[in-house]
Amino acid sequence: MFGHRRRQRGQALLIVLAFVAVFLLILWAGLTLASSAFLGLGTIRADTRSTYALDAGLAYAMQVIDDKNGNGCNAPKTSNLTLNYPTGPITVNVGINKGNPCHGNGATWNVTITATGTSRTLTALVTQIGPSSVVTWEGIQ
């Protein structure tokens, strides 16, 4: 009679240990997936900040071209643009080169934009139409 009860106690302990092991395995898998998701989120945020910085550089270039208002074929001078983010500043470098035609209505400007923190480059063709400019095409490489 006593030997039968001892075996049942041991079996109950094995069942409890098996459930604990399965629970810990599921918990470990969930935490691994969650940490991977958080690491991926940081990468997406950094990529989004870089893309916004390149777009801000294009808006800045268009403003500089609009301020020039087609006066001559010399490309307007630009300065570095610094965007302050909570994670740190991003410096945007904007280069503008004259296109063909280079003056008057329909003048074109080749714009190249780089930013710290990314190896990507935004290139665009900006065309003056009247007193303002429009992006004819753009590409991020």
Protein backbone atom coordinates (compact mmCIF):
# COMPACT_ATOMS: atom_id res chain seq x y z
CA MET A 1 0.00 0.00 0.00
CA PHE A 2 2.74 2.48 0.87
CA GLY A 3 4.89 1.60 -2.16
CA HIS A 4 2.04 2.46 -4.53
CA ARG A 5 1.65 5.96 -3.03
CA ARG A 6 5.36 6.71 -3.30
CA ARG A 7 5.30 5.98 -7.02
CA GLN A 8 2.28 8.27 -7.49
CA ARG A 9 4.05 11.11 -5.69
CA GLY A 10 7.03 10.75 -7.99
CA GLN A 11 4.81 10.72 -11.05
CA ALA A 12 3.07 13.92 -9.96
CA LEU A 13 6.43 15.60 -9.48
CA LEU A 14 7.51 14.57 -12.99
CA ILE A 15 4.29 15.97 -14.48
CA VAL A 16 4.75 19.29 -12.64
CA LEU A 17 8.40 19.50 -13.76
CA ALA A 18 7.37 18.78 -17.37
CA PHE A 19 4.76 21.58 -17.28
CA VAL A 20 7.30 24.00 -15.77
CA ALA A 21 9.83 23.09 -18.47
CA VAL A 22 7.28 23.63 -21.26
CA PHE A 23 6.20 26.95 -19.70
CA LEU A 24 9.82 28.16 -19.47
CA LEU A 25 10.47 27.12 -23.07
CA ILE A 26 7.43 29.08 -24.30
CA LEU A 27 8.45 32.07 -22.17
CA TRP A 28 12.01 31.97 -23.60
CA ALA A 29 10.69 31.82 -27.17
CA GLY A 30 8.36 34.78 -26.54
CA LEU A 31 11.12 36.90 -25.04
CA THR A 32 13.44 36.07 -27.95
CA LEU A 33 10.81 37.19 -30.47
CA ALA A 34 10.10 40.36 -28.50
CA SER A 35 13.77 41.33 -28.32
CA SER A 36 14.18 40.78 -32.07
CA ALA A 37 11.16 42.99 -32.71
CA PHE A 38 12.58 45.79 -30.55
CA LEU A 39 15.96 45.61 -32.30
CA GLY A 40 14.23 45.76 -35.69
CA LEU A 41 12.19 48.76 -34.56
CA GLY A 42 15.37 50.70 -33.80
CA THR A 43 16.69 50.01 -37.28
CA ILE A 44 13.43 51.16 -38.86
CA ARG A 45 13.46 54.37 -36.81
CA ALA A 46 17.05 55.16 -37.83
CA ASP A 47 16.22 54.51 -41.50
CA THR A 48 13.13 56.73 -41.25
CA ARG A 49 15.17 59.58 -39.71
CA SER A 50 17.73 59.30 -42.53
CA THR A 51 15.02 59.33 -45.20
CA TYR A 52 13.37 62.38 -43.63
CA ALA A 53 16.77 64.11 -43.47
CA LEU A 54 17.35 63.50 -47.20
CA ASP A 55 13.86 64.81 -47.97
CA ALA A 56 14.51 67.89 -45.83
CA GLY A 57 17.67 68.49 -47.84
CA LEU A 58 15.63 68.44 -51.06
CA ALA A 59 13.16 70.97 -49.62
CA TYR A 60 16.10 73.15 -48.60
CA ALA A 61 17.58 72.92 -52.12
CA MET A 62 14.26 73.92 -53.67
CA GLN A 63 14.06 76.94 -51.37
CA VAL A 64 17.59 78.01 -52.29
CA ILE A 65 16.77 77.65 -56.00
CA ASP A 66 13.52 79.61 -55.54
CA ASP A 67 15.43 82.40 -53.76
CA LYS A 68 17.91 82.52 -56.67
CA ASN A 69 14.92 82.83 -59.06
CA GLY A 70 16.86 81.92 -62.20
CA ASN A 71 19.40 84.73 -61.93
CA GLY A 72 22.25 83.49 -64.11
CA CYS A 73 23.76 80.06 -64.62
CA ASN A 74 25.82 79.90 -61.45
CA ALA A 75 24.56 77.26 -59.04
CA PRO A 76 23.34 78.73 -55.75
CA LYS A 77 25.56 78.22 -52.73
CA THR A 78 24.31 76.01 -49.92
CA SER A 79 25.46 75.37 -46.40
CA ASN A 80 25.15 72.23 -44.30
CA LEU A 81 21.77 71.72 -42.73
CA THR A 82 21.69 70.28 -39.20
CA LEU A 83 18.56 68.47 -38.01
CA ASN A 84 18.35 67.89 -34.27
CA TYR A 85 16.77 64.60 -33.22
CA PRO A 86 16.54 63.23 -29.66
CA THR A 87 19.02 60.50 -30.66
CA GLY A 88 21.51 63.06 -31.98
CA PRO A 89 21.95 65.56 -34.79
CA ILE A 90 21.99 64.61 -38.48
CA THR A 91 24.00 66.83 -40.82
CA VAL A 92 22.65 67.13 -44.35
CA ASN A 93 24.93 68.17 -47.20
CA VAL A 94 23.21 69.64 -50.29
CA GLY A 95 25.01 70.07 -53.61
CA ILE A 96 23.42 71.96 -56.52
CA ASN A 97 24.85 71.97 -60.05
CA LYS A 98 23.55 73.86 -63.04
CA GLY A 99 21.68 71.91 -65.66
CA ASN A 100 20.67 72.59 -69.22
CA PRO A 101 18.97 75.02 -69.76
CA CYS A 102 20.46 76.93 -66.86
CA HIS A 103 18.45 80.16 -66.79
CA GLY A 104 14.93 81.46 -67.16
CA ASN A 105 11.69 79.51 -67.16
CA GLY A 106 12.45 75.78 -67.44
CA ALA A 107 15.94 76.06 -65.97
CA THR A 108 17.10 72.78 -64.46
CA TRP A 109 19.31 72.06 -61.45
CA ASN A 110 20.92 68.74 -60.51
CA VAL A 111 20.68 68.21 -56.75
CA THR A 112 22.70 65.67 -54.74
CA ILE A 113 21.97 65.20 -51.04
CA THR A 114 23.83 63.15 -48.43
CA ALA A 115 23.33 62.85 -44.68
CA THR A 116 25.39 61.60 -41.77
CA GLY A 117 24.33 58.22 -40.45
CA THR A 118 23.42 56.77 -43.84
CA SER A 119 25.27 55.73 -46.97
CA ARG A 120 22.26 56.52 -49.14
CA THR A 121 22.20 59.49 -51.49
CA LEU A 122 19.21 61.37 -52.86
CA THR A 123 19.62 62.74 -56.38
CA ALA A 124 17.01 64.91 -58.03
CA LEU A 125 16.38 67.16 -60.98
CA VAL A 126 14.65 70.41 -60.02
CA THR A 127 13.03 72.54 -62.73
CA GLN A 128 12.07 76.18 -62.33
CA ILE A 129 8.57 76.97 -63.48
CA GLY A 130 7.84 80.65 -63.07
CA PRO A 131 8.81 81.95 -59.63
CA SER A 132 8.90 78.49 -58.02
CA SER A 133 10.54 75.13 -58.63
CA VAL A 134 9.27 71.58 -58.96
CA VAL A 135 10.96 68.20 -58.64
CA THR A 136 11.10 66.66 -62.11
CA TRP A 137 12.46 63.37 -60.77
CA GLU A 138 14.23 62.03 -57.71
CA GLY A 139 15.83 58.80 -56.63
CA ILE A 140 17.40 57.40 -53.48
CA GLN A 141 20.32 55.05 -53.88
